[in-house]
C-alpha atoms as a PDB file:
ATOM      1  CA  MET A   1     155.987 343.888  64.007  1.00  0.00           C
ATOM      2  CA  ILE A   2     156.847 341.495  66.822  1.00  0.00           C
ATOM      3  CA  GLY A   3     159.935 342.648  68.840  1.00  0.00           C
ATOM      4  CA  PRO A   4     162.774 340.543  70.048  1.00  0.00           C
ATOM      5  CA  PRO A   5     162.047 337.193  71.599  1.00  0.00           C
ATOM      6  CA  TYR A   6     162.294 338.491  75.105  1.00  0.00           C
ATOM      7  CA  GLU A   7     159.446 340.991  74.559  1.00  0.00           C
ATOM      8  CA  ILE A   8     156.904 338.303  73.536  1.00  0.00           C
ATOM      9  CA  PHE A   9     156.211 337.445  77.174  1.00  0.00           C
ATOM     10  CA  LYS A  10     156.784 340.086  79.864  1.00  0.00           C
ATOM     11  CA  GLY A  11     155.187 338.130  82.670  1.00  0.00           C
ATOM     12  CA  GLU A  12     157.040 336.291  85.500  1.00  0.00           C
ATOM     13  CA  THR A  13     158.337 332.897  84.447  1.00  0.00           C
ATOM     14  CA  THR A  14     158.698 329.775  86.646  1.00  0.00           C
ATOM     15  CA  MET A  15     162.509 330.359  86.615  1.00  0.00           C
ATOM     16  CA  ASP A  16     161.989 333.845  87.854  1.00  0.00           C
ATOM     17  CA  LYS A  17     159.849 332.640  90.669  1.00  0.00           C
ATOM     18  CA  GLN A  18     162.441 330.110  91.641  1.00  0.00           C
ATOM     19  CA  GLN A  19     165.164 332.651  91.696  1.00  0.00           C
ATOM     20  CA  LYS A  20     163.138 335.154  93.668  1.00  0.00           C
ATOM     21  CA  GLN A  21     162.306 332.361  96.335  1.00  0.00           C
ATOM     22  CA  ALA A  22     165.947 331.433  96.439  1.00  0.00           C
ATOM     23  CA  SER A  23     166.963 334.954  97.189  1.00  0.00           C
ATOM     24  CA  GLN A  24     164.518 335.329 100.109  1.00  0.00           C
ATOM     25  CA  PRO A  25     165.617 334.378 103.624  1.00  0.00           C
ATOM     26  CA  LYS A  26     164.267 331.066 104.744  1.00  0.00           C
ATOM     27  CA  GLU A  27     162.180 330.699 107.799  1.00  0.00           C
ATOM     28  CA  ALA A  28     163.736 328.565 110.550  1.00  0.00           C
ATOM     29  CA  VAL A  29     162.210 325.205 110.889  1.00  0.00           C
ATOM     30  CA  PRO A  30     161.290 324.536 114.496  1.00  0.00           C
ATOM     31  CA  PRO A  31     163.055 321.525 115.975  1.00  0.00           C
ATOM     32  CA  VAL A  32     160.919 318.344 116.532  1.00  0.00           C
ATOM     33  CA  LYS A  33     159.993 318.295 120.199  1.00  0.00           C
ATOM     34  CA  GLU A  34     160.923 314.873 121.914  1.00  0.00           C
ATOM     35  CA  PRO A  35     158.262 313.540 124.109  1.00  0.00           C
ATOM     36  CA  VAL A  36     158.902 313.743 127.771  1.00  0.00           C
ATOM     37  CA  LYS A  37     159.969 310.462 129.342  1.00  0.00           C
ATOM     38  CA  GLY A  38     160.044 309.078 132.654  1.00  0.00           C
ATOM     39  CA  LEU A  39     162.386 306.476 134.255  1.00  0.00           C
ATOM     40  CA  VAL A  40     160.605 303.367 135.485  1.00  0.00           C
ATOM     41  CA  PHE A  41     162.368 300.461 137.168  1.00  0.00           C
ATOM     42  CA  ASP A  42     159.458 298.048 137.394  1.00  0.00           C
ATOM     43  CA  ILE A  43     155.801 297.537 136.385  1.00  0.00           C
ATOM     44  CA  GLN A  44     153.783 294.922 138.089  1.00  0.00           C
ATOM     45  CA  GLY A  45     150.245 293.812 137.024  1.00  0.00           C
ATOM     46  CA  HIS A  46     147.663 292.269 139.234  1.00  0.00           C
ATOM     47  CA  SER A  47     148.878 294.120 142.367  1.00  0.00           C
ATOM     48  CA  VAL A  48     146.483 293.684 145.403  1.00  0.00           C
ATOM     49  CA  HIS A  49     148.375 295.489 148.197  1.00  0.00           C
ATOM     50  CA  ASP A  50     148.727 298.932 146.729  1.00  0.00           C
ATOM     51  CA  GLY A  51     145.264 300.356 146.796  1.00  0.00           C
ATOM     52  CA  PRO A  52     141.770 299.188 146.313  1.00  0.00           C
ATOM     53  CA  GLY A  53     140.917 296.393 143.948  1.00  0.00           C
ATOM     54  CA  THR A  54     143.424 294.903 141.394  1.00  0.00           C
ATOM     55  CA  ARG A  55     145.940 297.382 140.119  1.00  0.00           C
ATOM     56  CA  THR A  56     148.880 298.040 137.890  1.00  0.00           C
ATOM     57  CA  THR A  57     151.792 299.282 140.002  1.00  0.00           C
ATOM     58  CA  VAL A  58     154.477 301.464 138.365  1.00  0.00           C
ATOM     59  CA  PHE A  59     157.669 301.898 140.219  1.00  0.00           C
ATOM     60  CA  MET A  60     159.299 305.329 139.413  1.00  0.00           C
ATOM     61  CA  ALA A  61     163.036 305.857 139.894  1.00  0.00           C
ATOM     62  CA  GLY A  62     164.527 308.674 142.061  1.00  0.00           C
ATOM     63  CA  CYS A  63     163.876 309.722 145.588  1.00  0.00           C
ATOM     64  CA  PRO A  64     164.759 312.632 147.859  1.00  0.00           C
ATOM     65  CA  LEU A  65     165.167 310.344 150.801  1.00  0.00           C
ATOM     66  CA  GLU A  66     167.755 307.574 151.408  1.00  0.00           C
ATOM     67  CA  CYS A  67     166.099 305.469 154.079  1.00  0.00           C
ATOM     68  CA  VAL A  68     168.621 303.031 155.531  1.00  0.00           C
ATOM     69  CA  TRP A  69     166.115 300.150 155.305  1.00  0.00           C
ATOM     70  CA  CYS A  70     164.764 300.874 151.863  1.00  0.00           C
ATOM     71  CA  CYS A  71     163.576 297.729 150.191  1.00  0.00           C
ATOM     72  CA  ASN A  72     164.029 299.147 146.697  1.00  0.00           C
ATOM     73  CA  PRO A  73     167.636 300.470 146.557  1.00  0.00           C
ATOM     74  CA  GLU A  74     167.628 300.482 142.707  1.00  0.00           C
ATOM     75  CA  GLY A  75     164.810 303.084 143.086  1.00  0.00           C
ATOM     76  CA  LEU A  76     167.240 305.543 144.568  1.00  0.00           C
ATOM     77  CA  PHE A  77     169.168 306.024 141.302  1.00  0.00           C
ATOM     78  CA  THR A  78     168.136 308.694 138.742  1.00  0.00           C
ATOM     79  CA  ALA A  79     169.529 306.787 135.743  1.00  0.00           C
ATOM     80  CA  PRO A  80     169.508 303.167 134.660  1.00  0.00           C
ATOM     81  CA  VAL A  81     171.688 301.151 137.078  1.00  0.00           C
ATOM     82  CA  LEU A  82     173.556 297.879 136.655  1.00  0.00           C
ATOM     83  CA  MET A  83     172.415 295.001 138.955  1.00  0.00           C
ATOM     84  CA  HIS A  84     174.638 291.946 139.277  1.00  0.00           C
ATOM     85  CA  ARG A  85     173.089 288.673 140.324  1.00  0.00           C
ATOM     86  CA  GLU A  86     175.794 286.637 141.974  1.00  0.00           C
ATOM     87  CA  THR A  87     173.811 283.424 141.971  1.00  0.00           C
ATOM     88  CA  LYS A  88     173.460 283.413 138.139  1.00  0.00           C
ATOM     89  CA  CYS A  89     177.040 284.297 137.335  1.00  0.00           C
ATOM     90  CA  VAL A  90     179.229 281.555 135.954  1.00  0.00           C
ATOM     91  CA  ARG A  91     182.489 283.649 135.792  1.00  0.00           C
ATOM     92  CA  CYS A  92     182.772 283.205 132.043  1.00  0.00           C
ATOM     93  CA  GLY A  93     184.506 286.575 131.670  1.00  0.00           C
ATOM     94  CA  ARG A  94     182.368 287.919 128.838  1.00  0.00           C
ATOM     95  CA  CYS A  95     181.434 291.031 130.794  1.00  0.00           C
ATOM     96  CA  VAL A  96     185.137 291.681 131.581  1.00  0.00           C
ATOM     97  CA  ALA A  97     185.964 291.618 127.874  1.00  0.00           C
ATOM     98  CA  ALA A  98     182.896 293.714 127.009  1.00  0.00           C
ATOM     99  CA  CYS A  99     183.491 296.594 129.455  1.00  0.00           C
ATOM    100  CA  PRO A 100     185.143 299.539 127.618  1.00  0.00           C
ATOM    101  CA  VAL A 101     186.565 301.076 130.752  1.00  0.00           C
ATOM    102  CA  GLY A 102     187.891 298.044 132.581  1.00  0.00           C
ATOM    103  CA  ALA A 103     185.360 298.342 135.433  1.00  0.00           C
ATOM    104  CA  VAL A 104     184.903 294.571 135.839  1.00  0.00           C
ATOM    105  CA  GLN A 105     187.432 292.025 136.895  1.00  0.00           C
ATOM    106  CA  ILE A 106     187.532 288.476 138.072  1.00  0.00           C
ATOM    107  CA  ILE A 107     189.902 287.648 140.940  1.00  0.00           C
ATOM    108  CA  ASP A 108     191.327 284.089 141.346  1.00  0.00           C
ATOM    109  CA  LYS A 109     188.704 282.870 138.872  1.00  0.00           C
ATOM    110  CA  LYS A 110     186.131 282.945 141.692  1.00  0.00           C
ATOM    111  CA  ILE A 111     185.270 286.608 142.767  1.00  0.00           C
ATOM    112  CA  ILE A 112     183.901 289.061 140.311  1.00  0.00           C
ATOM    113  CA  GLN A 113     184.314 292.721 141.174  1.00  0.00           C
ATOM    114  CA  PHE A 114     182.745 295.900 139.773  1.00  0.00           C
ATOM    115  CA  ASN A 115     184.183 299.338 140.072  1.00  0.00           C
ATOM    116  CA  ARG A 116     180.874 301.089 141.149  1.00  0.00           C
ATOM    117  CA  ASP A 117     182.224 304.491 140.705  1.00  0.00           C
ATOM    118  CA  LEU A 118     182.569 303.717 137.016  1.00  0.00           C
ATOM    119  CA  CYS A 119     179.494 301.388 136.673  1.00  0.00           C
ATOM    120  CA  ASP A 120     177.101 303.846 138.177  1.00  0.00           C
ATOM    121  CA  GLN A 121     178.072 306.430 135.557  1.00  0.00           C
ATOM    122  CA  CYS A 122     177.828 304.098 132.721  1.00  0.00           C
ATOM    123  CA  LYS A 123     175.131 304.680 130.050  1.00  0.00           C
ATOM    124  CA  THR A 124     175.814 301.881 127.660  1.00  0.00           C
ATOM    125  CA  HIS A 125     176.059 298.761 129.904  1.00  0.00           C
ATOM    126  CA  GLU A 126     177.888 296.513 127.430  1.00  0.00           C
ATOM    127  CA  CYS A 127     178.475 293.929 130.220  1.00  0.00           C
ATOM    128  CA  ALA A 128     174.695 293.311 130.499  1.00  0.00           C
ATOM    129  CA  GLU A 129     174.383 292.849 126.800  1.00  0.00           C
ATOM    130  CA  ALA A 130     177.323 290.410 126.797  1.00  0.00           C
ATOM    131  CA  CYS A 131     175.970 288.271 129.629  1.00  0.00           C
ATOM    132  CA  LEU A 132     174.227 285.117 128.436  1.00  0.00           C
ATOM    133  CA  LYS A 133     172.994 284.086 131.973  1.00  0.00           C
ATOM    134  CA  GLU A 134     171.162 287.298 132.876  1.00  0.00           C
ATOM    135  CA  ALA A 135     173.484 287.778 135.774  1.00  0.00           C
ATOM    136  CA  ASN A 136     174.010 291.431 134.801  1.00  0.00           C
ATOM    137  CA  VAL A 137     170.761 293.311 134.132  1.00  0.00           C
ATOM    138  CA  VAL A 138     169.940 296.963 133.877  1.00  0.00           C
ATOM    139  CA  SER A 139     167.241 298.251 136.248  1.00  0.00           C
ATOM    140  CA  GLY A 140     165.466 301.265 134.777  1.00  0.00           C
ATOM    141  CA  LYS A 141     163.811 301.955 131.421  1.00  0.00           C
ATOM    142  CA  TYR A 142     162.536 305.249 129.998  1.00  0.00           C
ATOM    143  CA  TYR A 143     158.843 305.358 128.936  1.00  0.00           C
ATOM    144  CA  THR A 144     156.823 308.044 127.241  1.00  0.00           C
ATOM    145  CA  ILE A 145     153.361 308.850 128.578  1.00  0.00           C
ATOM    146  CA  ASP A 146     151.784 307.251 125.573  1.00  0.00           C
ATOM    147  CA  GLU A 147     153.695 304.001 126.186  1.00  0.00           C
ATOM    148  CA  LEU A 148     152.370 303.827 129.859  1.00  0.00           C
ATOM    149  CA  MET A 149     148.911 304.815 128.813  1.00  0.00           C
ATOM    150  CA  LYS A 150     148.939 301.992 126.315  1.00  0.00           C
ATOM    151  CA  ILE A 151     149.972 299.496 129.192  1.00  0.00           C
ATOM    152  CA  PHE A 152     147.113 300.945 131.360  1.00  0.00           C
ATOM    153  CA  THR A 153     144.568 300.476 128.548  1.00  0.00           C
ATOM    154  CA  ARG A 154     145.732 296.785 128.087  1.00  0.00           C
ATOM    155  CA  ASP A 155     145.491 296.147 131.858  1.00  0.00           C
ATOM    156  CA  ARG A 156     142.245 297.999 132.524  1.00  0.00           C
ATOM    157  CA  GLN A 157     140.075 294.921 131.758  1.00  0.00           C
ATOM    158  CA  PHE A 158     141.579 293.172 134.819  1.00  0.00           C
ATOM    159  CA  TRP A 159     141.085 296.011 137.331  1.00  0.00           C
ATOM    160  CA  GLY A 160     137.412 295.477 137.909  1.00  0.00           C
ATOM    161  CA  GLY A 161     135.227 298.253 139.337  1.00  0.00           C
ATOM    162  CA  SER A 162     137.521 299.475 142.076  1.00  0.00           C
ATOM    163  CA  GLY A 163     140.981 298.986 140.672  1.00  0.00           C
ATOM    164  CA  GLY A 164     143.333 301.295 138.836  1.00  0.00           C
ATOM    165  CA  VAL A 165     146.907 302.416 138.722  1.00  0.00           C
ATOM    166  CA  THR A 166     149.341 302.854 141.755  1.00  0.00           C
ATOM    167  CA  PHE A 167     152.589 304.800 141.292  1.00  0.00           C
ATOM    168  CA  SER A 168     155.396 303.731 143.806  1.00  0.00           C
ATOM    169  CA  GLY A 169     159.041 304.048 143.807  1.00  0.00           C
ATOM    170  CA  GLY A 170     161.398 305.490 144.768  1.00  0.00           C
ATOM    171  CA  GLU A 171     159.404 308.618 145.060  1.00  0.00           C
ATOM    172  CA  PRO A 172     156.855 308.398 142.291  1.00  0.00           C
ATOM    173  CA  LEU A 173     156.285 312.143 142.139  1.00  0.00           C
ATOM    174  CA  PHE A 174     159.932 313.021 142.031  1.00  0.00           C
ATOM    175  CA  GLN A 175     159.949 313.248 138.205  1.00  0.00           C
ATOM    176  CA  LYS A 176     157.765 316.366 138.074  1.00  0.00           C
ATOM    177  CA  LYS A 177     157.897 317.123 134.265  1.00  0.00           C
ATOM    178  CA  PHE A 178     156.761 313.507 133.583  1.00  0.00           C
ATOM    179  CA  MET A 179     154.364 312.809 136.410  1.00  0.00           C
ATOM    180  CA  LEU A 180     152.137 315.889 136.289  1.00  0.00           C
ATOM    181  CA  PRO A 181     151.070 315.541 132.580  1.00  0.00           C
ATOM    182  CA  LEU A 182     150.789 311.683 133.012  1.00  0.00           C
ATOM    183  CA  LEU A 183     148.505 312.044 135.937  1.00  0.00           C
ATOM    184  CA  LYS A 184     146.424 314.592 134.118  1.00  0.00           C
ATOM    185  CA  ARG A 185     146.098 312.017 131.277  1.00  0.00           C
ATOM    186  CA  CYS A 186     144.978 309.400 133.824  1.00  0.00           C
ATOM    187  CA  LYS A 187     142.331 311.822 135.153  1.00  0.00           C
ATOM    188  CA  ASP A 188     140.990 312.449 131.727  1.00  0.00           C
ATOM    189  CA  ALA A 189     140.734 308.696 131.120  1.00  0.00           C
ATOM    190  CA  TYR A 190     138.888 308.159 134.413  1.00  0.00           C
ATOM    191  CA  ILE A 191     141.683 305.998 135.837  1.00  0.00           C
ATOM    192  CA  HIS A 192     141.735 305.582 139.657  1.00  0.00           C
ATOM    193  CA  VAL A 193     145.196 306.750 140.804  1.00  0.00           C
ATOM    194  CA  ALA A 194     147.019 305.968 143.997  1.00  0.00           C
ATOM    195  CA  VAL A 195     150.498 307.014 144.965  1.00  0.00           C
ATOM    196  CA  GLU A 196     152.943 305.789 147.540  1.00  0.00           C
ATOM    197  CA  THR A 197     154.785 308.963 148.367  1.00  0.00           C
ATOM    198  CA  THR A 198     157.344 310.389 150.866  1.00  0.00           C
ATOM    199  CA  SER A 199     155.533 313.671 150.814  1.00  0.00           C
ATOM    200  CA  CYS A 200     159.030 315.208 150.707  1.00  0.00           C
ATOM    201  CA  LEU A 201     158.336 317.512 147.789  1.00  0.00           C
ATOM    202  CA  PRO A 202     157.912 321.294 147.235  1.00  0.00           C
ATOM    203  CA  SER A 203     154.575 322.212 148.838  1.00  0.00           C
ATOM    204  CA  ASP A 204     153.162 324.065 145.911  1.00  0.00           C
ATOM    205  CA  TYR A 205     153.883 321.194 143.536  1.00  0.00           C
ATOM    206  CA  TYR A 206     152.704 318.677 146.086  1.00  0.00           C
ATOM    207  CA  MET A 207     149.338 320.327 146.525  1.00  0.00           C
ATOM    208  CA  GLU A 208     148.932 320.821 142.768  1.00  0.00           C
ATOM    209  CA  ILE A 209     149.551 317.257 141.834  1.00  0.00           C
ATOM    210  CA  MET A 210     147.240 315.904 144.507  1.00  0.00           C
ATOM    211  CA  ARG A 211     144.340 317.218 142.469  1.00  0.00           C
ATOM    212  CA  TYR A 212     144.950 314.293 140.201  1.00  0.00           C
ATOM    213  CA  ILE A 213     145.323 311.652 142.755  1.00  0.00           C
ATOM    214  CA  ASP A 214     142.530 309.619 144.419  1.00  0.00           C
ATOM    215  CA  TRP A 215     144.385 307.703 147.089  1.00  0.00           C
ATOM    216  CA  VAL A 216     147.576 308.594 148.913  1.00  0.00           C
ATOM    217  CA  PHE A 217     149.851 306.286 151.014  1.00  0.00           C
ATOM    218  CA  THR A 218     152.456 308.260 152.793  1.00  0.00           C
ATOM    219  CA  ASP A 219     154.945 307.474 155.578  1.00  0.00           C
ATOM    220  CA  ILE A 220     155.744 309.160 158.772  1.00  0.00           C
ATOM    221  CA  LYS A 221     159.067 307.454 159.676  1.00  0.00           C
ATOM    222  CA  HIS A 222     159.929 309.360 162.853  1.00  0.00           C
ATOM    223  CA  MET A 223     158.488 312.443 164.657  1.00  0.00           C
ATOM    224  CA  ASP A 224     161.869 313.551 165.880  1.00  0.00           C
ATOM    225  CA  PRO A 225     163.540 315.654 163.143  1.00  0.00           C
ATOM    226  CA  ILE A 226     167.153 314.795 164.127  1.00  0.00           C
ATOM    227  CA  LYS A 227     166.469 310.987 164.209  1.00  0.00           C
ATOM    228  CA  HIS A 228     164.546 311.296 160.970  1.00  0.00           C
ATOM    229  CA  LYS A 229     167.583 312.860 159.284  1.00  0.00           C
ATOM    230  CA  GLU A 230     169.779 310.116 160.693  1.00  0.00           C
ATOM    231  CA  LEU A 231     167.595 307.465 159.166  1.00  0.00           C
ATOM    232  CA  THR A 232     166.502 309.114 155.808  1.00  0.00           C
ATOM    233  CA  GLY A 233     169.184 311.825 155.018  1.00  0.00           C
ATOM    234  CA  VAL A 234     166.605 314.706 155.446  1.00  0.00           C
ATOM    235  CA  ASP A 235     164.612 316.058 158.425  1.00  0.00           C
ATOM    236  CA  ASN A 236     160.840 315.714 158.556  1.00  0.00           C
ATOM    237  CA  ALA A 237     159.704 319.381 158.478  1.00  0.00           C
ATOM    238  CA  LEU A 238     158.570 319.434 154.912  1.00  0.00           C
ATOM    239  CA  ILE A 239     157.060 316.025 155.112  1.00  0.00           C
ATOM    240  CA  LEU A 240     154.940 316.930 158.110  1.00  0.00           C
ATOM    241  CA  LYS A 241     153.902 320.253 156.664  1.00  0.00           C
ATOM    242  CA  ASN A 242     152.650 318.656 153.443  1.00  0.00           C
ATOM    243  CA  ILE A 243     150.764 315.917 155.249  1.00  0.00           C
ATOM    244  CA  ARG A 244     149.000 318.531 157.481  1.00  0.00           C
ATOM    245  CA  ASN A 245     148.308 320.710 154.497  1.00  0.00           C
ATOM    246  CA  LEU A 246     146.724 317.876 152.586  1.00  0.00           C
ATOM    247  CA  GLY A 247     144.587 316.737 155.579  1.00  0.00           C
ATOM    248  CA  GLN A 248     143.287 320.199 156.155  1.00  0.00           C
ATOM    249  CA  ASP A 249     142.581 321.087 152.445  1.00  0.00           C
ATOM    250  CA  PRO A 250     138.741 321.247 151.952  1.00  0.00           C
ATOM    251  CA  LYS A 251     139.172 321.137 148.162  1.00  0.00           C
ATOM    252  CA  TRP A 252     140.846 317.702 148.158  1.00  0.00           C
ATOM    253  CA  ASN A 253     138.411 314.815 148.107  1.00  0.00           C
ATOM    254  CA  GLY A 254     140.770 311.943 148.147  1.00  0.00           C
ATOM    255  CA  PHE A 255     141.610 309.350 150.796  1.00  0.00           C
ATOM    256  CA  ALA A 256     144.953 309.333 152.601  1.00  0.00           C
ATOM    257  CA  LEU A 257     146.371 306.506 154.678  1.00  0.00           C
ATOM    258  CA  ILE A 258     149.361 307.317 156.908  1.00  0.00           C
ATOM    259  CA  ARG A 259     151.844 304.504 157.299  1.00  0.00           C
ATOM    260  CA  ILE A 260     154.515 303.944 159.872  1.00  0.00           C
ATOM    261  CA  PRO A 261     157.175 301.384 159.013  1.00  0.00           C
ATOM    262  CA  ILE A 262     158.026 299.662 162.329  1.00  0.00           C
ATOM    263  CA  ILE A 263     161.802 299.353 162.410  1.00  0.00           C
ATOM    264  CA  PRO A 264     162.981 297.533 165.663  1.00  0.00           C
ATOM    265  CA  ASP A 265     165.147 299.791 168.017  1.00  0.00           C
ATOM    266  CA  THR A 266     164.824 302.497 165.551  1.00  0.00           C
ATOM    267  CA  ASN A 267     161.336 304.158 165.561  1.00  0.00           C
ATOM    268  CA  ASP A 268     159.163 301.641 167.422  1.00  0.00           C
ATOM    269  CA  SER A 269     159.148 303.349 170.881  1.00  0.00           C
ATOM    270  CA  ASP A 270     155.822 303.870 172.549  1.00  0.00           C
ATOM    271  CA  GLU A 271     156.582 307.624 172.632  1.00  0.00           C
ATOM    272  CA  ASN A 272     157.314 307.967 168.988  1.00  0.00           C
ATOM    273  CA  VAL A 273     154.230 306.001 167.851  1.00  0.00           C
ATOM    274  CA  ARG A 274     151.934 307.980 170.201  1.00  0.00           C
ATOM    275  CA  ALA A 275     153.410 311.325 169.017  1.00  0.00           C
ATOM    276  CA  THR A 276     152.848 310.174 165.451  1.00  0.00           C
ATOM    277  CA  ALA A 277     149.231 309.196 166.046  1.00  0.00           C
ATOM    278  CA  LYS A 278     148.591 312.533 167.795  1.00  0.00           C
ATOM    279  CA  TYR A 279     149.888 314.442 164.795  1.00  0.00           C
ATOM    280  CA  VAL A 280     147.994 312.406 162.279  1.00  0.00           C
ATOM    281  CA  LYS A 281     144.721 313.093 164.178  1.00  0.00           C
ATOM    282  CA  GLU A 282     145.468 316.801 164.466  1.00  0.00           C
ATOM    283  CA  SER A 283     146.107 316.822 160.741  1.00  0.00           C
ATOM    284  CA  GLY A 284     142.562 315.602 160.005  1.00  0.00           C
ATOM    285  CA  PHE A 285     143.194 312.026 159.230  1.00  0.00           C
ATOM    286  CA  GLU A 286     141.604 308.973 160.746  1.00  0.00           C
ATOM    287  CA  VAL A 287     143.590 305.852 159.708  1.00  0.00           C
ATOM    288  CA  ILE A 288     147.141 304.613 160.346  1.00  0.00           C
ATOM    289  CA  ASN A 289     148.707 301.459 158.897  1.00  0.00           C
ATOM    290  CA  ILE A 290     151.696 300.072 160.683  1.00  0.00           C
ATOM    291  CA  LEU A 291     153.956 297.961 158.585  1.00  0.00           C
ATOM    292  CA  PRO A 292     156.459 295.505 160.156  1.00  0.00           C
ATOM    293  CA  PHE A 293     160.010 295.626 159.046  1.00  0.00           C
ATOM    294  CA  HIS A 294     161.166 292.925 156.598  1.00  0.00           C
ATOM    295  CA  ARG A 295     164.423 292.121 154.792  1.00  0.00           C
ATOM    296  CA  LEU A 296     162.955 291.267 151.392  1.00  0.00           C
ATOM    297  CA  GLY A 297     165.188 293.825 149.587  1.00  0.00           C
ATOM    298  CA  GLU A 298     168.445 292.686 151.255  1.00  0.00           C
ATOM    299  CA  SER A 299     169.751 290.808 148.121  1.00  0.00           C
ATOM    300  CA  LYS A 300     169.132 293.915 145.897  1.00  0.00           C
ATOM    301  CA  TYR A 301     171.693 295.928 147.892  1.00  0.00           C
ATOM    302  CA  ARG A 302     174.432 293.456 146.934  1.00  0.00           C
ATOM    303  CA  GLN A 303     173.203 293.645 143.336  1.00  0.00           C
ATOM    304  CA  VAL A 304     173.743 297.342 143.225  1.00  0.00           C
ATOM    305  CA  GLY A 305     177.017 297.257 145.090  1.00  0.00           C
ATOM    306  CA  LYS A 306     175.775 298.642 148.437  1.00  0.00           C
ATOM    307  CA  SER A 307     175.982 297.382 151.955  1.00  0.00           C
ATOM    308  CA  TYR A 308     172.839 296.520 153.946  1.00  0.00           C
ATOM    309  CA  ARG A 309     172.734 297.947 157.430  1.00  0.00           C
ATOM    310  CA  PHE A 310     169.756 295.800 158.707  1.00  0.00           C
ATOM    311  CA  ALA A 311     171.142 292.309 157.791  1.00  0.00           C
ATOM    312  CA  GLU A 312     170.890 291.212 161.422  1.00  0.00           C
ATOM    313  CA  CYS A 313     167.612 292.895 162.190  1.00  0.00           C
ATOM    314  CA  ARG A 314     164.587 290.819 162.828  1.00  0.00           C
ATOM    315  CA  PRO A 315     160.934 291.735 162.225  1.00  0.00           C
ATOM    316  CA  PRO A 316     158.954 292.962 165.262  1.00  0.00           C
ATOM    317  CA  SER A 317     156.897 290.229 166.927  1.00  0.00           C
ATOM    318  CA  GLU A 318     153.133 290.095 166.468  1.00  0.00           C
ATOM    319  CA  GLU A 319     152.849 291.001 170.164  1.00  0.00           C
ATOM    320  CA  LYS A 320     154.848 294.204 169.561  1.00  0.00           C
ATOM    321  CA  MET A 321     152.792 295.121 166.609  1.00  0.00           C
ATOM    322  CA  ASN A 322     149.481 294.615 168.478  1.00  0.00           C
ATOM    323  CA  HIS A 323     150.927 296.688 171.336  1.00  0.00           C
ATOM    324  CA  LEU A 324     151.640 299.581 169.065  1.00  0.00           C
ATOM    325  CA  LYS A 325     148.180 299.176 167.403  1.00  0.00           C
ATOM    326  CA  ALA A 326     146.675 299.586 170.835  1.00  0.00           C
ATOM    327  CA  ILE A 327     148.455 302.795 171.379  1.00  0.00           C
ATOM    328  CA  ILE A 328     147.253 304.278 168.189  1.00  0.00           C
ATOM    329  CA  GLU A 329     143.659 303.248 168.888  1.00  0.00           C
ATOM    330  CA  GLU A 330     143.879 304.958 172.364  1.00  0.00           C
ATOM    331  CA  GLU A 331     144.293 308.148 170.334  1.00  0.00           C
ATOM    332  CA  GLY A 332     140.996 307.615 168.657  1.00  0.00           C
ATOM    333  CA  LEU A 333     142.378 306.427 165.278  1.00  0.00           C
ATOM    334  CA  VAL A 334     141.699 303.294 163.237  1.00  0.00           C
ATOM    335  CA  CYS A 335     144.790 301.160 162.907  1.00  0.00           C
ATOM    336  CA  TYR A 336     145.609 298.292 160.623  1.00  0.00           C
ATOM    337  CA  VAL A 337     148.557 296.089 160.942  1.00  0.00           C
ATOM    338  CA  GLY A 338     150.557 295.041 157.991  1.00  0.00           C
ATOM    339  CA  TYR A 339     148.596 294.187 154.821  1.00  0.00           C
ATOM    340  CA  LYS A 340     145.472 293.073 156.787  1.00  0.00           C
ATOM    341  CA  THR A 341     143.486 295.941 155.434  1.00  0.00           C
ATOM    342  CA  PRO A 342     140.167 296.276 153.590  1.00  0.00           C
ATOM    343  CA  PHE A 343     141.910 297.900 150.709  1.00  0.00           C
END
């Protein structure tokens, strides 16, 4: 005799399994890891002055220095920054209406003013979206490593046999969590990498990341630590240490070019240039590039709401540059003036 219906099947039913699973504690689902991103304020293709061959130059935001003559003031910011182009502005008032915090105003229908304390903290930049004349633009965009590698792959066909990628800034190595894995990817892809660096970085990190860099352009802006701090906001001890360590590292097989920006009445004395040349030679390097001061970045200071200290400064004469070149050559080094270089 067959017993009650519930005795016909004594195995585990589908409902039993579902109830059992529901009663068990659920494993935590790991959060999706966001890809690391780096802040870039410009990308220039077909560059010919930032390393050998034709290159793609990527300008990274952020810098430990604040050089008073910096030609890229927008690169000093660590977040996207508003730039206002006065010559394109028609005083239409759209940005005034769009700003949610009242940071923009027009005075007497002629002068437009931005409260930079508020603007520099803004993350939404409604005023730039509202502007139809591109007078208000945002400098700085976040990229993933994959996005930059896609650009490099696209540009690679134009580099030729000696070209590659140059990272400038700002200080291109300032964004450590982004730059270290990015340069490893470049190395794996056999991309020639150059950097224009301040060398003002923690020494362990500086030497580690140099393993992935083929060419280094780095400045010595002044040999006097007090003067250096007055001009850049920091003294030169760490910079000089890193440059010497790099020059005396037998494991590094790259090429380094030391640059001196020649700023009239600031660091252009014979004594300073000779002292720099001596230090460069003692550190194991053979070449110096002296770069004459220029005012090409002057308008960008107004665009980011800053004053420009060197508005009245004139570039050094050709005679002055050749005189400093001779001093450096007297110390047994090769010296190039301006961009008249073989690379």
